[in-house]
Amino acid sequence: MNSEIMKSLTERLRECVRIAGSGDELARKAHINRRTLEYYLTGKSEPKISKVAAISKATNVSLEWLVFGEGPILRDHLLTGDKHGKPTSTLAHSAMVVYVTLHEAGKLIEPEKFEELTIAMWELDQAYGEKTADNLDDPIVSKAQKLLMSALK
């Protein structure tokens, strides 16, 4: 992971410690060894997706915020909107579901390909919003499909 992204992640992980009350409390709630958590907090080690998901669940922070630093911090806001009442997207959650599903199926996807797939999903979300994409010949739909298929090979 690039050092700038990792730095940002460690900063958000430290915020999760604050939300949980302490590092010990976060480790307990997320079922993570305290020493392992310390490695994440200092940037010595990159957390696996299962650990990121456990931290998200333990602190009620959104995966979108924890992984990407975007969107509302708390998961509750994903359903009701951000702190200003503006509707928010669950796109990052969808991307994480795709990633975890591929991983569990033994289909590892290169980070660059996952990023391309996530961007394609974002483009779909922006293009269609609440409308459904009925036209499978749409170039944006085709792009997302091709990226996902390449991940499954």
Protein backbone atom coordinates (compact mmCIF):
# COMPACT_ATOMS: atom_id res chain seq x y z
CA MET A 1 0.00 0.00 0.00
CA ASN A 2 1.37 3.43 -0.82
CA SER A 3 2.74 5.29 2.19
CA GLU A 4 0.33 8.24 1.89
CA ILE A 5 -2.71 5.95 1.85
CA MET A 6 -1.32 3.95 4.78
CA LYS A 7 -0.70 7.19 6.72
CA SER A 8 -4.31 8.23 6.20
CA LEU A 9 -5.56 4.79 7.23
CA THR A 10 -3.52 4.87 10.43
CA GLU A 11 -4.97 8.28 11.24
CA ARG A 12 -8.50 6.94 10.80
CA LEU A 13 -7.63 3.88 12.88
CA ARG A 14 -6.47 6.21 15.66
CA GLU A 15 -9.85 7.93 15.43
CA CYS A 16 -11.47 4.51 15.87
CA VAL A 17 -9.42 4.07 19.06
CA ARG A 18 -10.79 7.39 20.29
CA ILE A 19 -14.34 6.31 19.43
CA ALA A 20 -13.87 2.97 21.21
CA GLY A 21 -12.39 4.69 24.28
CA SER A 22 -8.93 3.11 24.17
CA GLY A 23 -6.72 0.80 22.16
CA ASP A 24 -7.41 -2.01 24.59
CA GLU A 25 -11.16 -1.49 24.22
CA LEU A 26 -10.98 -1.43 20.40
CA ALA A 27 -8.86 -4.58 20.38
CA ARG A 28 -11.38 -6.31 22.66
CA LYS A 29 -14.46 -5.19 20.71
CA ALA A 30 -12.93 -6.03 17.31
CA HIS A 31 -11.41 -9.32 18.53
CA ILE A 32 -7.94 -8.23 17.46
CA ASN A 33 -4.74 -8.93 19.37
CA ARG A 34 -3.64 -5.71 21.07
CA ARG A 35 -0.09 -5.96 19.66
CA THR A 36 -1.51 -6.45 16.16
CA LEU A 37 -3.67 -3.36 16.58
CA GLU A 38 -0.59 -1.42 17.67
CA TYR A 39 1.17 -2.45 14.45
CA TYR A 40 -1.80 -1.07 12.48
CA LEU A 41 -1.78 2.16 14.49
CA THR A 42 1.93 2.76 13.89
CA GLY A 43 1.78 1.80 10.22
CA LYS A 44 4.13 -1.17 10.71
CA SER A 45 1.52 -3.53 9.35
CA GLU A 46 -1.44 -3.21 6.99
CA PRO A 47 -4.70 -4.69 8.29
CA LYS A 48 -6.43 -7.40 6.31
CA ILE A 49 -9.94 -6.68 5.10
CA SER A 50 -11.47 -8.91 7.79
CA LYS A 51 -9.76 -6.82 10.48
CA VAL A 52 -10.86 -3.55 8.86
CA ALA A 53 -14.43 -4.88 8.79
CA ALA A 54 -14.18 -5.92 12.46
CA ILE A 55 -12.93 -2.44 13.44
CA SER A 56 -15.75 -0.85 11.41
CA LYS A 57 -18.34 -3.00 13.15
CA ALA A 58 -16.84 -2.51 16.62
CA THR A 59 -16.85 1.28 16.31
CA ASN A 60 -19.90 1.72 14.06
CA VAL A 61 -17.81 3.66 11.53
CA SER A 62 -18.58 3.24 7.85
CA LEU A 63 -16.25 1.18 5.72
CA GLU A 64 -16.27 3.97 3.14
CA TRP A 65 -14.83 6.37 5.68
CA LEU A 66 -12.41 3.90 7.27
CA VAL A 67 -10.99 2.57 3.99
CA PHE A 68 -11.18 5.61 1.74
CA GLY A 69 -11.58 8.55 4.12
CA GLU A 70 -14.77 9.57 2.33
CA GLY A 71 -18.42 9.83 3.24
CA PRO A 72 -19.97 9.99 6.67
CA ILE A 73 -17.97 8.57 9.55
CA LEU A 74 -20.80 6.68 11.22
CA ARG A 75 -22.64 3.81 9.53
CA ASP A 76 -25.97 5.11 10.85
CA HIS A 77 -25.60 8.07 8.50
CA LEU A 78 -25.45 5.78 5.47
CA LEU A 79 -29.17 5.12 5.79
CA THR A 80 -30.30 8.57 6.81
CA GLY A 81 -27.75 10.81 5.14
CA ASP A 82 -24.74 12.68 6.39
CA LYS A 83 -24.64 15.01 9.39
CA HIS A 84 -26.29 17.69 7.22
CA GLY A 85 -29.11 15.37 6.08
CA LYS A 86 -27.68 15.04 2.56
CA PRO A 87 -28.30 11.52 1.17
CA THR A 88 -25.15 9.40 0.97
CA SER A 89 -24.10 6.41 -1.10
CA THR A 90 -23.35 2.91 0.06
CA LEU A 91 -21.12 2.36 -2.97
CA ALA A 92 -18.02 1.72 -0.87
CA HIS A 93 -19.91 -0.93 1.05
CA SER A 94 -20.92 -2.56 -2.22
CA ALA A 95 -17.31 -2.47 -3.41
CA MET A 96 -16.17 -4.07 -0.17
CA VAL A 97 -18.78 -6.81 -0.54
CA VAL A 98 -17.46 -7.54 -4.04
CA TYR A 99 -13.88 -7.58 -2.75
CA VAL A 100 -14.66 -9.88 0.19
CA THR A 101 -16.74 -12.20 -2.01
CA LEU A 102 -13.92 -12.48 -4.56
CA HIS A 103 -11.41 -13.08 -1.78
CA GLU A 104 -13.55 -15.78 -0.16
CA ALA A 105 -13.96 -17.46 -3.57
CA GLY A 106 -10.18 -17.59 -3.82
CA LYS A 107 -10.20 -15.01 -6.61
CA LEU A 108 -7.65 -12.44 -5.56
CA ILE A 109 -7.90 -9.17 -7.41
CA GLU A 110 -4.92 -6.88 -7.87
CA PRO A 111 -5.35 -3.58 -6.01
CA GLU A 112 -5.13 -1.64 -9.27
CA LYS A 113 -7.88 -3.78 -10.85
CA PHE A 114 -10.02 -3.42 -7.73
CA GLU A 115 -9.57 0.33 -7.91
CA GLU A 116 -10.63 0.30 -11.59
CA LEU A 117 -13.67 -1.83 -10.73
CA THR A 118 -14.63 0.50 -7.87
CA ILE A 119 -14.32 3.53 -10.16
CA ALA A 120 -16.49 1.80 -12.77
CA MET A 121 -19.09 1.09 -10.06
CA TRP A 122 -18.91 4.74 -9.01
CA GLU A 123 -19.43 5.82 -12.63
CA LEU A 124 -22.50 3.57 -12.81
CA ASP A 125 -23.81 5.02 -9.55
CA GLN A 126 -23.28 8.57 -10.81
CA ALA A 127 -24.79 7.85 -14.23
CA TYR A 128 -27.92 6.15 -12.97
CA GLY A 129 -28.42 7.28 -9.39
CA GLU A 130 -31.66 5.71 -8.27
CA LYS A 131 -32.61 4.62 -11.79
CA THR A 132 -31.72 1.10 -12.78
CA ALA A 133 -29.41 0.37 -15.68
CA ASP A 134 -31.64 -1.78 -17.87
CA ASN A 135 -29.42 -1.47 -20.91
CA LEU A 136 -26.64 -4.04 -20.56
CA ASP A 137 -25.08 -2.69 -23.75
CA ASP A 138 -24.33 0.59 -22.01
CA PRO A 139 -20.56 1.21 -22.17
CA ILE A 140 -20.36 1.89 -18.42
CA VAL A 141 -22.13 -1.39 -17.61
CA SER A 142 -19.90 -3.25 -20.07
CA LYS A 143 -16.78 -1.75 -18.50
CA ALA A 144 -17.80 -2.86 -15.01
CA GLN A 145 -18.68 -6.33 -16.27
CA LYS A 146 -15.35 -6.73 -18.06
CA LEU A 147 -13.40 -5.65 -14.99
CA LEU A 148 -15.29 -8.07 -12.77
CA MET A 149 -14.87 -10.91 -15.26
CA SER A 150 -11.13 -10.27 -15.47
CA ALA A 151 -10.99 -10.53 -11.68
CA LEU A 152 -12.70 -13.92 -11.83
CA LYS A 153 -10.17 -15.41 -14.26
